[in-house]
Amino acid sequence: MGKNKIRDFSSEEKTKIVFALLKEDLTLVELSSKYGVTSKILQNWKRQCLENASVAFDPSKIVSVYKDAIQTLKHQNDELAKASGKATVERDWAVRKLKSLDVLNKKSLVRSKLPNRVFCFKCVNIF
């Protein structure tokens, strides 16, 4: 019993198959059995082809859409970089501040947050 391999079709192969479907020389069922794909996949490829056919006649349209998407992603990337930088600065400040505190102050910080817990103060020496 062998596994059915899922075949990847290139965009050129998909276009060729959709054009054969549009010619209507063969039925949908005949084409699906010829190329080993389901009729639903062929219908989806046909729909995608027809929805995006205008791009073939106006390639600048798709370029502008991609440029807008790139600008949006760059803006999001900049915002995330700012947030990451801010978090790094805050973390570095907190580490320096914690290192500057003496043992009693460190203990008081821990005790104030967790008053009902049992502590092991041997680990305080790692600061």
C-alpha atoms as a PDB file:
ATOM      1  CA  MET A   1       0.000   0.000   0.000  1.00  0.00           C
ATOM      2  CA  GLY A   2       1.803   3.140  -1.211  1.00  0.00           C
ATOM      3  CA  LYS A   3       1.238   6.653  -0.105  1.00  0.00           C
ATOM      4  CA  ASN A   4      -0.336   9.109  -2.511  1.00  0.00           C
ATOM      5  CA  LYS A   5       2.213  11.790  -3.221  1.00  0.00           C
ATOM      6  CA  ILE A   6       0.962  15.343  -3.362  1.00  0.00           C
ATOM      7  CA  ARG A   7       2.269  16.883  -6.527  1.00  0.00           C
ATOM      8  CA  ASP A   8       3.311  20.517  -6.617  1.00  0.00           C
ATOM      9  CA  PHE A   9       2.348  22.254  -9.827  1.00  0.00           C
ATOM     10  CA  SER A  10       4.304  25.250 -11.022  1.00  0.00           C
ATOM     11  CA  SER A  11       2.419  28.382 -11.951  1.00  0.00           C
ATOM     12  CA  GLU A  12       3.124  27.622 -15.623  1.00  0.00           C
ATOM     13  CA  GLU A  13       1.611  24.139 -15.293  1.00  0.00           C
ATOM     14  CA  LYS A  14      -1.434  25.527 -13.502  1.00  0.00           C
ATOM     15  CA  THR A  15      -1.892  28.132 -16.223  1.00  0.00           C
ATOM     16  CA  LYS A  16      -1.666  25.467 -18.929  1.00  0.00           C
ATOM     17  CA  ILE A  17      -4.246  23.308 -17.151  1.00  0.00           C
ATOM     18  CA  VAL A  18      -6.610  26.256 -16.592  1.00  0.00           C
ATOM     19  CA  PHE A  19      -6.348  27.235 -20.276  1.00  0.00           C
ATOM     20  CA  ALA A  20      -7.231  23.657 -21.205  1.00  0.00           C
ATOM     21  CA  LEU A  21     -10.201  23.928 -18.866  1.00  0.00           C
ATOM     22  CA  LEU A  22     -11.273  27.219 -20.452  1.00  0.00           C
ATOM     23  CA  LYS A  23     -11.046  25.748 -23.955  1.00  0.00           C
ATOM     24  CA  GLU A  24     -13.687  23.210 -22.920  1.00  0.00           C
ATOM     25  CA  ASP A  25     -12.256  20.504 -25.189  1.00  0.00           C
ATOM     26  CA  LEU A  26     -12.230  18.174 -22.176  1.00  0.00           C
ATOM     27  CA  THR A  27     -14.659  18.089 -19.298  1.00  0.00           C
ATOM     28  CA  LEU A  28     -13.712  19.017 -15.770  1.00  0.00           C
ATOM     29  CA  VAL A  29     -13.726  15.350 -14.743  1.00  0.00           C
ATOM     30  CA  GLU A  30     -11.533  14.354 -17.709  1.00  0.00           C
ATOM     31  CA  LEU A  31      -8.995  17.071 -16.918  1.00  0.00           C
ATOM     32  CA  SER A  32      -8.930  16.196 -13.231  1.00  0.00           C
ATOM     33  CA  SER A  33      -8.206  12.540 -13.980  1.00  0.00           C
ATOM     34  CA  LYS A  34      -5.652  13.476 -16.680  1.00  0.00           C
ATOM     35  CA  TYR A  35      -3.612  15.662 -14.315  1.00  0.00           C
ATOM     36  CA  GLY A  36      -4.344  13.775 -11.101  1.00  0.00           C
ATOM     37  CA  VAL A  37      -6.035  16.590  -9.198  1.00  0.00           C
ATOM     38  CA  THR A  38      -9.536  16.966  -7.887  1.00  0.00           C
ATOM     39  CA  SER A  39     -12.153  18.917  -9.769  1.00  0.00           C
ATOM     40  CA  LYS A  40     -12.440  21.285  -6.792  1.00  0.00           C
ATOM     41  CA  ILE A  41      -8.753  22.204  -7.138  1.00  0.00           C
ATOM     42  CA  LEU A  42      -9.268  22.845 -10.858  1.00  0.00           C
ATOM     43  CA  GLN A  43     -12.244  25.081 -10.088  1.00  0.00           C
ATOM     44  CA  ASN A  44     -10.156  27.000  -7.536  1.00  0.00           C
ATOM     45  CA  TRP A  45      -7.314  27.467 -10.040  1.00  0.00           C
ATOM     46  CA  LYS A  46      -9.793  28.683 -12.656  1.00  0.00           C
ATOM     47  CA  ARG A  47     -11.341  31.141 -10.205  1.00  0.00           C
ATOM     48  CA  GLN A  48      -7.906  32.463  -9.167  1.00  0.00           C
ATOM     49  CA  CYS A  49      -6.869  32.828 -12.784  1.00  0.00           C
ATOM     50  CA  LEU A  50      -9.974  34.760 -13.743  1.00  0.00           C
ATOM     51  CA  GLU A  51      -9.808  36.989 -10.641  1.00  0.00           C
ATOM     52  CA  ASN A  52      -6.191  37.937 -11.371  1.00  0.00           C
ATOM     53  CA  ALA A  53      -6.350  38.116 -15.168  1.00  0.00           C
ATOM     54  CA  SER A  54      -6.294  41.933 -15.122  1.00  0.00           C
ATOM     55  CA  VAL A  55      -2.739  41.840 -13.755  1.00  0.00           C
ATOM     56  CA  ALA A  56      -1.533  40.484 -17.101  1.00  0.00           C
ATOM     57  CA  PHE A  57      -2.677  43.696 -18.753  1.00  0.00           C
ATOM     58  CA  ASP A  58      -1.641  46.122 -16.003  1.00  0.00           C
ATOM     59  CA  PRO A  59       1.486  44.836 -14.197  1.00  0.00           C
ATOM     60  CA  SER A  60       2.082  48.209 -12.536  1.00  0.00           C
ATOM     61  CA  LYS A  61      -1.068  47.600 -10.496  1.00  0.00           C
ATOM     62  CA  ILE A  62       0.431  44.578  -8.770  1.00  0.00           C
ATOM     63  CA  VAL A  63       3.721  46.408  -8.211  1.00  0.00           C
ATOM     64  CA  SER A  64       1.919  49.206  -6.397  1.00  0.00           C
ATOM     65  CA  VAL A  65       0.059  46.694  -4.229  1.00  0.00           C
ATOM     66  CA  TYR A  66       3.344  45.032  -3.273  1.00  0.00           C
ATOM     67  CA  LYS A  67       4.973  48.395  -2.592  1.00  0.00           C
ATOM     68  CA  ASP A  68       2.128  49.289  -0.222  1.00  0.00           C
ATOM     69  CA  ALA A  69       2.474  45.942   1.534  1.00  0.00           C
ATOM     70  CA  ILE A  70       6.236  46.422   1.852  1.00  0.00           C
ATOM     71  CA  GLN A  71       5.765  49.892   3.337  1.00  0.00           C
ATOM     72  CA  THR A  72       3.271  48.546   5.859  1.00  0.00           C
ATOM     73  CA  LEU A  73       5.623  45.742   6.869  1.00  0.00           C
ATOM     74  CA  LYS A  74       8.549  48.170   7.181  1.00  0.00           C
ATOM     75  CA  HIS A  75       6.471  50.384   9.450  1.00  0.00           C
ATOM     76  CA  GLN A  76       5.498  47.391  11.612  1.00  0.00           C
ATOM     77  CA  ASN A  77       9.137  46.284  11.729  1.00  0.00           C
ATOM     78  CA  ASP A  78      10.223  49.756  12.871  1.00  0.00           C
ATOM     79  CA  GLU A  79       7.592  49.779  15.626  1.00  0.00           C
ATOM     80  CA  LEU A  80       8.676  46.350  16.831  1.00  0.00           C
ATOM     81  CA  ALA A  81      12.345  47.393  16.780  1.00  0.00           C
ATOM     82  CA  LYS A  82      11.501  50.447  18.915  1.00  0.00           C
ATOM     83  CA  ALA A  83       9.569  48.314  21.391  1.00  0.00           C
ATOM     84  CA  SER A  84      12.383  45.779  21.546  1.00  0.00           C
ATOM     85  CA  GLY A  85      14.970  48.516  22.098  1.00  0.00           C
ATOM     86  CA  LYS A  86      12.884  50.077  24.843  1.00  0.00           C
ATOM     87  CA  ALA A  87      12.449  46.715  26.581  1.00  0.00           C
ATOM     88  CA  THR A  88      16.201  46.076  26.363  1.00  0.00           C
ATOM     89  CA  VAL A  89      17.023  49.464  27.879  1.00  0.00           C
ATOM     90  CA  GLU A  90      14.508  48.907  30.686  1.00  0.00           C
ATOM     91  CA  ARG A  91      15.877  45.439  31.386  1.00  0.00           C
ATOM     92  CA  ASP A  92      19.479  46.732  31.445  1.00  0.00           C
ATOM     93  CA  TRP A  93      18.464  49.490  33.843  1.00  0.00           C
ATOM     94  CA  ALA A  94      16.709  46.998  36.129  1.00  0.00           C
ATOM     95  CA  VAL A  95      19.751  44.689  36.142  1.00  0.00           C
ATOM     96  CA  ARG A  96      22.107  47.573  37.014  1.00  0.00           C
ATOM     97  CA  LYS A  97      19.722  48.796  39.701  1.00  0.00           C
ATOM     98  CA  LEU A  98      19.412  45.327  41.206  1.00  0.00           C
ATOM     99  CA  LYS A  99      23.191  44.885  41.251  1.00  0.00           C
ATOM    100  CA  SER A 100      23.599  48.215  43.037  1.00  0.00           C
ATOM    101  CA  LEU A 101      21.314  47.187  45.927  1.00  0.00           C
ATOM    102  CA  ASP A 102      22.738  45.619  49.052  1.00  0.00           C
ATOM    103  CA  VAL A 103      21.542  42.258  50.364  1.00  0.00           C
ATOM    104  CA  LEU A 104      19.053  43.717  52.855  1.00  0.00           C
ATOM    105  CA  ASN A 105      17.326  45.784  50.189  1.00  0.00           C
ATOM    106  CA  LYS A 106      17.136  42.748  47.913  1.00  0.00           C
ATOM    107  CA  LYS A 107      15.595  40.707  50.714  1.00  0.00           C
ATOM    108  CA  SER A 108      13.060  43.425  51.422  1.00  0.00           C
ATOM    109  CA  LEU A 109      12.029  43.495  47.753  1.00  0.00           C
ATOM    110  CA  VAL A 110      11.404  39.766  47.789  1.00  0.00           C
ATOM    111  CA  ARG A 111       9.598  39.804  51.127  1.00  0.00           C
ATOM    112  CA  SER A 112       7.276  42.614  50.101  1.00  0.00           C
ATOM    113  CA  LYS A 113       6.090  40.683  47.054  1.00  0.00           C
ATOM    114  CA  LEU A 114       5.631  37.287  48.699  1.00  0.00           C
ATOM    115  CA  PRO A 115       4.904  37.715  52.428  1.00  0.00           C
ATOM    116  CA  ASN A 116       3.572  34.184  53.089  1.00  0.00           C
ATOM    117  CA  ARG A 117       6.378  32.192  51.518  1.00  0.00           C
ATOM    118  CA  VAL A 118       9.351  30.370  52.997  1.00  0.00           C
ATOM    119  CA  PHE A 119      12.661  31.752  51.743  1.00  0.00           C
ATOM    120  CA  CYS A 120      16.075  30.317  51.220  1.00  0.00           C
ATOM    121  CA  PHE A 121      18.482  33.204  51.645  1.00  0.00           C
ATOM    122  CA  LYS A 122      21.494  31.185  50.541  1.00  0.00           C
ATOM    123  CA  CYS A 123      20.649  32.062  46.945  1.00  0.00           C
ATOM    124  CA  VAL A 124      20.858  35.819  47.629  1.00  0.00           C
ATOM    125  CA  ASN A 125      24.622  35.604  47.205  1.00  0.00           C
ATOM    126  CA  ILE A 126      24.279  35.140  43.464  1.00  0.00           C
ATOM    127  CA  PHE A 127      23.377  38.834  43.021  1.00  0.00           C
END
